[in-house]
Amino acid sequence: MSLPDAETVFTTLAEKMRANVRGEIVLIGIRTGGVWLAERLHSMLGIRQPLGILSVSFYRDDFDRIGLHAQKKPSDIPFDVNGAHIVLVDDVLFTGRTIRAAINELFDYGRPASISLAALVDRGGRELPIEAQYVGIEFPLPADKMLEVKQEKGHLSFHVYDKSPAE
């Protein structure tokens, strides 16, 4: 299977956001892959508000099945969520469950004016009515495959592997 170049896809996502993001927005990266992307987008788009980070582990609806990741780090939202125009950033959009968890957690911090979603890859397979407003690439994959975004020495790359039975 031929994979697209992740850096090219990131550039496409950044250009779409630059052309369409209006007004004062804040970025929140979803741990972990979304944080790497949000850090780069934050700098490229010249966003003045500090970057937020969400860790959605406790908000996932499959928490009882998959448990808590050993490297769990807390969320960090260094701005007032109330009335903010938020762009959530994640690496791969698949079922929509991670985004649902992120929105649930955000509302624990306050009531945003709006929430948009930016995803590097939309791989299809939605189980919830979640749609990204900014997408680098649509790259459908069979349900038995996983798409991972890795950051190595500041460079993004894609990796596909077989999904384990527990996932």
C-alpha atoms as a PDB file:
ATOM      1  CA  MET A   1       0.000   0.000   0.000  1.00  0.00           C
ATOM      2  CA  SER A   2       1.384   3.348  -1.019  1.00  0.00           C
ATOM      3  CA  LEU A   3       1.084   5.968   1.704  1.00  0.00           C
ATOM      4  CA  PRO A   4       0.947   9.701   1.065  1.00  0.00           C
ATOM      5  CA  ASP A   5       3.769  11.920   2.287  1.00  0.00           C
ATOM      6  CA  ALA A   6       2.714  13.135   5.747  1.00  0.00           C
ATOM      7  CA  GLU A   7       4.592  16.441   5.466  1.00  0.00           C
ATOM      8  CA  THR A   8       2.806  17.260   2.203  1.00  0.00           C
ATOM      9  CA  VAL A   9      -0.537  16.390   3.813  1.00  0.00           C
ATOM     10  CA  PHE A  10       0.311  18.646   6.774  1.00  0.00           C
ATOM     11  CA  THR A  11       1.114  21.525   4.408  1.00  0.00           C
ATOM     12  CA  THR A  12      -2.262  21.011   2.700  1.00  0.00           C
ATOM     13  CA  LEU A  13      -4.042  21.114   6.090  1.00  0.00           C
ATOM     14  CA  ALA A  14      -2.188  24.277   7.127  1.00  0.00           C
ATOM     15  CA  GLU A  15      -3.041  26.008   3.817  1.00  0.00           C
ATOM     16  CA  LYS A  16      -6.738  25.119   4.160  1.00  0.00           C
ATOM     17  CA  MET A  17      -6.795  26.502   7.677  1.00  0.00           C
ATOM     18  CA  ARG A  18      -4.909  29.677   6.738  1.00  0.00           C
ATOM     19  CA  ALA A  19      -7.424  30.335   3.931  1.00  0.00           C
ATOM     20  CA  ASN A  20     -10.556  29.642   5.982  1.00  0.00           C
ATOM     21  CA  VAL A  21      -9.947  30.410   9.658  1.00  0.00           C
ATOM     22  CA  ARG A  22     -11.439  33.780  10.493  1.00  0.00           C
ATOM     23  CA  GLY A  23     -11.263  35.906  13.608  1.00  0.00           C
ATOM     24  CA  GLU A  24      -9.650  35.130  16.917  1.00  0.00           C
ATOM     25  CA  ILE A  25      -9.351  31.369  17.375  1.00  0.00           C
ATOM     26  CA  VAL A  26      -7.589  29.130  19.852  1.00  0.00           C
ATOM     27  CA  LEU A  27      -6.060  25.758  19.065  1.00  0.00           C
ATOM     28  CA  ILE A  28      -6.335  22.708  21.278  1.00  0.00           C
ATOM     29  CA  GLY A  29      -4.342  19.614  20.376  1.00  0.00           C
ATOM     30  CA  ILE A  30      -5.627  16.189  21.379  1.00  0.00           C
ATOM     31  CA  ARG A  31      -2.874  14.167  22.996  1.00  0.00           C
ATOM     32  CA  THR A  32      -0.606  12.905  21.525  1.00  0.00           C
ATOM     33  CA  GLY A  33      -0.576  13.181  17.751  1.00  0.00           C
ATOM     34  CA  GLY A  34      -2.912  16.152  17.697  1.00  0.00           C
ATOM     35  CA  VAL A  35      -0.585  18.069  20.000  1.00  0.00           C
ATOM     36  CA  TRP A  36       2.358  17.775  17.581  1.00  0.00           C
ATOM     37  CA  LEU A  37       0.194  19.071  14.765  1.00  0.00           C
ATOM     38  CA  ALA A  38      -1.347  21.842  16.863  1.00  0.00           C
ATOM     39  CA  GLU A  39       2.096  23.065  17.945  1.00  0.00           C
ATOM     40  CA  ARG A  40       3.181  23.434  14.337  1.00  0.00           C
ATOM     41  CA  LEU A  41      -0.132  24.973  13.216  1.00  0.00           C
ATOM     42  CA  HIS A  42      -0.079  27.400  16.157  1.00  0.00           C
ATOM     43  CA  SER A  43       3.263  28.750  14.992  1.00  0.00           C
ATOM     44  CA  MET A  44       2.473  28.733  11.253  1.00  0.00           C
ATOM     45  CA  LEU A  45      -0.888  30.474  11.683  1.00  0.00           C
ATOM     46  CA  GLY A  46       0.487  33.063  14.125  1.00  0.00           C
ATOM     47  CA  ILE A  47      -2.176  32.434  16.773  1.00  0.00           C
ATOM     48  CA  ARG A  48      -1.806  34.783  19.745  1.00  0.00           C
ATOM     49  CA  GLN A  49      -3.600  32.777  22.427  1.00  0.00           C
ATOM     50  CA  PRO A  50      -1.530  30.011  24.035  1.00  0.00           C
ATOM     51  CA  LEU A  51      -1.946  26.456  22.809  1.00  0.00           C
ATOM     52  CA  GLY A  52      -4.266  24.144  24.737  1.00  0.00           C
ATOM     53  CA  ILE A  53      -3.769  20.414  25.224  1.00  0.00           C
ATOM     54  CA  LEU A  54      -6.494  17.842  25.896  1.00  0.00           C
ATOM     55  CA  SER A  55      -6.000  14.363  27.228  1.00  0.00           C
ATOM     56  CA  VAL A  56      -9.272  12.519  26.695  1.00  0.00           C
ATOM     57  CA  SER A  57      -8.412   9.185  28.351  1.00  0.00           C
ATOM     58  CA  PHE A  58     -10.981   9.509  31.150  1.00  0.00           C
ATOM     59  CA  TYR A  59     -13.706  10.661  28.753  1.00  0.00           C
ATOM     60  CA  ARG A  60     -13.545   7.804  26.276  1.00  0.00           C
ATOM     61  CA  ASP A  61     -16.591   5.539  26.151  1.00  0.00           C
ATOM     62  CA  ASP A  62     -14.300   2.505  25.829  1.00  0.00           C
ATOM     63  CA  PHE A  63     -12.241   3.348  28.938  1.00  0.00           C
ATOM     64  CA  ASP A  64     -13.527   0.261  30.783  1.00  0.00           C
ATOM     65  CA  ARG A  65     -12.375  -1.936  27.880  1.00  0.00           C
ATOM     66  CA  ILE A  66      -8.992  -0.423  27.006  1.00  0.00           C
ATOM     67  CA  GLY A  67      -8.013   1.019  30.405  1.00  0.00           C
ATOM     68  CA  LEU A  68      -5.763   3.964  31.132  1.00  0.00           C
ATOM     69  CA  HIS A  69      -2.616   4.507  29.110  1.00  0.00           C
ATOM     70  CA  ALA A  70       0.477   4.199  31.316  1.00  0.00           C
ATOM     71  CA  GLN A  71       1.828   7.553  30.096  1.00  0.00           C
ATOM     72  CA  LYS A  72      -1.363   9.537  30.902  1.00  0.00           C
ATOM     73  CA  LYS A  73      -0.659  13.259  31.083  1.00  0.00           C
ATOM     74  CA  PRO A  74      -3.175  15.878  32.184  1.00  0.00           C
ATOM     75  CA  SER A  75      -4.960  18.391  30.013  1.00  0.00           C
ATOM     76  CA  ASP A  76      -3.681  21.960  29.977  1.00  0.00           C
ATOM     77  CA  ILE A  77      -6.087  24.698  28.898  1.00  0.00           C
ATOM     78  CA  PRO A  78      -4.301  28.013  29.659  1.00  0.00           C
ATOM     79  CA  PHE A  79      -7.167  30.275  28.548  1.00  0.00           C
ATOM     80  CA  ASP A  80     -10.850  30.834  29.282  1.00  0.00           C
ATOM     81  CA  VAL A  81     -12.931  28.397  27.231  1.00  0.00           C
ATOM     82  CA  ASN A  82     -16.115  30.437  27.757  1.00  0.00           C
ATOM     83  CA  GLY A  83     -16.965  32.240  24.534  1.00  0.00           C
ATOM     84  CA  ALA A  84     -13.829  31.028  22.725  1.00  0.00           C
ATOM     85  CA  HIS A  85     -13.769  29.922  19.087  1.00  0.00           C
ATOM     86  CA  ILE A  86     -11.902  26.638  19.405  1.00  0.00           C
ATOM     87  CA  VAL A  87     -10.291  24.487  16.747  1.00  0.00           C
ATOM     88  CA  LEU A  88      -9.620  20.963  18.026  1.00  0.00           C
ATOM     89  CA  VAL A  89      -6.669  19.333  16.275  1.00  0.00           C
ATOM     90  CA  ASP A  90      -6.211  15.577  15.929  1.00  0.00           C
ATOM     91  CA  ASP A  91      -4.035  13.416  13.736  1.00  0.00           C
ATOM     92  CA  VAL A  92      -6.436  10.714  12.481  1.00  0.00           C
ATOM     93  CA  LEU A  93     -10.226  10.953  12.418  1.00  0.00           C
ATOM     94  CA  PHE A  94     -11.803   7.503  12.388  1.00  0.00           C
ATOM     95  CA  THR A  95     -14.890   6.556  14.429  1.00  0.00           C
ATOM     96  CA  GLY A  96     -15.410   9.994  16.002  1.00  0.00           C
ATOM     97  CA  ARG A  97     -15.223   8.672  19.567  1.00  0.00           C
ATOM     98  CA  THR A  98     -12.031  10.557  20.463  1.00  0.00           C
ATOM     99  CA  ILE A  99     -13.589  13.818  19.276  1.00  0.00           C
ATOM    100  CA  ARG A 100     -16.771  13.128  21.269  1.00  0.00           C
ATOM    101  CA  ALA A 101     -14.597  12.587  24.338  1.00  0.00           C
ATOM    102  CA  ALA A 102     -12.705  15.834  23.655  1.00  0.00           C
ATOM    103  CA  ILE A 103     -15.923  17.836  23.363  1.00  0.00           C
ATOM    104  CA  ASN A 104     -17.206  16.331  26.611  1.00  0.00           C
ATOM    105  CA  GLU A 105     -14.027  17.358  28.407  1.00  0.00           C
ATOM    106  CA  LEU A 106     -14.065  20.850  26.886  1.00  0.00           C
ATOM    107  CA  PHE A 107     -17.485  21.518  28.371  1.00  0.00           C
ATOM    108  CA  ASP A 108     -16.053  20.751  31.815  1.00  0.00           C
ATOM    109  CA  TYR A 109     -13.902  23.869  31.301  1.00  0.00           C
ATOM    110  CA  GLY A 110     -16.727  26.114  30.108  1.00  0.00           C
ATOM    111  CA  ARG A 111     -18.996  26.875  27.174  1.00  0.00           C
ATOM    112  CA  PRO A 112     -17.155  27.742  23.952  1.00  0.00           C
ATOM    113  CA  ALA A 113     -18.754  29.981  21.322  1.00  0.00           C
ATOM    114  CA  SER A 114     -17.851  27.395  18.661  1.00  0.00           C
ATOM    115  CA  ILE A 115     -15.832  24.222  18.156  1.00  0.00           C
ATOM    116  CA  SER A 116     -14.316  23.217  14.809  1.00  0.00           C
ATOM    117  CA  LEU A 117     -12.199  20.198  14.015  1.00  0.00           C
ATOM    118  CA  ALA A 118      -8.944  19.938  12.063  1.00  0.00           C
ATOM    119  CA  ALA A 119      -7.646  16.451  11.228  1.00  0.00           C
ATOM    120  CA  LEU A 120      -4.546  15.535   9.309  1.00  0.00           C
ATOM    121  CA  VAL A 121      -6.268  12.405   7.947  1.00  0.00           C
ATOM    122  CA  ASP A 122      -9.929  11.432   7.664  1.00  0.00           C
ATOM    123  CA  ARG A 123      -9.884   7.673   7.185  1.00  0.00           C
ATOM    124  CA  GLY A 124     -13.676   7.230   7.139  1.00  0.00           C
ATOM    125  CA  GLY A 125     -15.466   4.629   9.262  1.00  0.00           C
ATOM    126  CA  ARG A 126     -17.449   7.043  11.391  1.00  0.00           C
ATOM    127  CA  GLU A 127     -19.601   5.611  14.193  1.00  0.00           C
ATOM    128  CA  LEU A 128     -20.749   9.034  15.417  1.00  0.00           C
ATOM    129  CA  PRO A 129     -21.948  12.102  13.474  1.00  0.00           C
ATOM    130  CA  ILE A 130     -18.591  13.911  13.642  1.00  0.00           C
ATOM    131  CA  GLU A 131     -17.120  15.820  10.695  1.00  0.00           C
ATOM    132  CA  ALA A 132     -13.863  17.749  10.393  1.00  0.00           C
ATOM    133  CA  GLN A 133     -14.027  21.249   8.929  1.00  0.00           C
ATOM    134  CA  TYR A 134     -10.334  21.126   7.951  1.00  0.00           C
ATOM    135  CA  VAL A 135      -8.833  17.903   6.548  1.00  0.00           C
ATOM    136  CA  GLY A 136      -5.375  17.343   5.086  1.00  0.00           C
ATOM    137  CA  ILE A 137      -6.411  14.204   3.186  1.00  0.00           C
ATOM    138  CA  GLU A 138      -9.193  11.654   3.028  1.00  0.00           C
ATOM    139  CA  PHE A 139      -7.539   8.235   3.116  1.00  0.00           C
ATOM    140  CA  PRO A 140     -10.041   5.386   3.601  1.00  0.00           C
ATOM    141  CA  LEU A 141      -8.709   2.212   5.196  1.00  0.00           C
ATOM    142  CA  PRO A 142     -10.340  -1.131   5.996  1.00  0.00           C
ATOM    143  CA  ALA A 143     -11.582  -1.472   9.589  1.00  0.00           C
ATOM    144  CA  ASP A 144      -8.906  -4.095  10.346  1.00  0.00           C
ATOM    145  CA  LYS A 145      -6.092  -1.580   9.698  1.00  0.00           C
ATOM    146  CA  MET A 146      -4.732   1.207  11.880  1.00  0.00           C
ATOM    147  CA  LEU A 147      -3.116   4.394  10.629  1.00  0.00           C
ATOM    148  CA  GLU A 148      -0.486   5.895  12.871  1.00  0.00           C
ATOM    149  CA  VAL A 149       1.147   9.282  12.531  1.00  0.00           C
ATOM    150  CA  LYS A 150       4.678   9.381  13.886  1.00  0.00           C
ATOM    151  CA  GLN A 151       6.906  12.340  14.535  1.00  0.00           C
ATOM    152  CA  GLU A 152      10.570  11.539  14.173  1.00  0.00           C
ATOM    153  CA  LYS A 153      13.124  14.344  14.453  1.00  0.00           C
ATOM    154  CA  GLY A 154      10.375  16.889  13.748  1.00  0.00           C
ATOM    155  CA  HIS A 155       9.274  15.096  10.579  1.00  0.00           C
ATOM    156  CA  LEU A 156       5.820  13.496  10.239  1.00  0.00           C
ATOM    157  CA  SER A 157       5.302  10.077   8.678  1.00  0.00           C
ATOM    158  CA  PHE A 158       2.443   7.618   8.225  1.00  0.00           C
ATOM    159  CA  HIS A 159       2.478   3.942   9.188  1.00  0.00           C
ATOM    160  CA  VAL A 160      -0.253   1.349   8.572  1.00  0.00           C
ATOM    161  CA  TYR A 161      -0.497  -1.830  10.591  1.00  0.00           C
ATOM    162  CA  ASP A 162      -2.995  -4.568  11.369  1.00  0.00           C
ATOM    163  CA  LYS A 163      -5.405  -3.785  14.173  1.00  0.00           C
ATOM    164  CA  SER A 164      -5.029  -6.075  17.166  1.00  0.00           C
ATOM    165  CA  PRO A 165      -8.160  -7.971  18.258  1.00  0.00           C
ATOM    166  CA  ALA A 166      -8.419  -5.899  21.503  1.00  0.00           C
ATOM    167  CA  GLU A 167      -8.517  -2.524  19.698  1.00  0.00           C
END
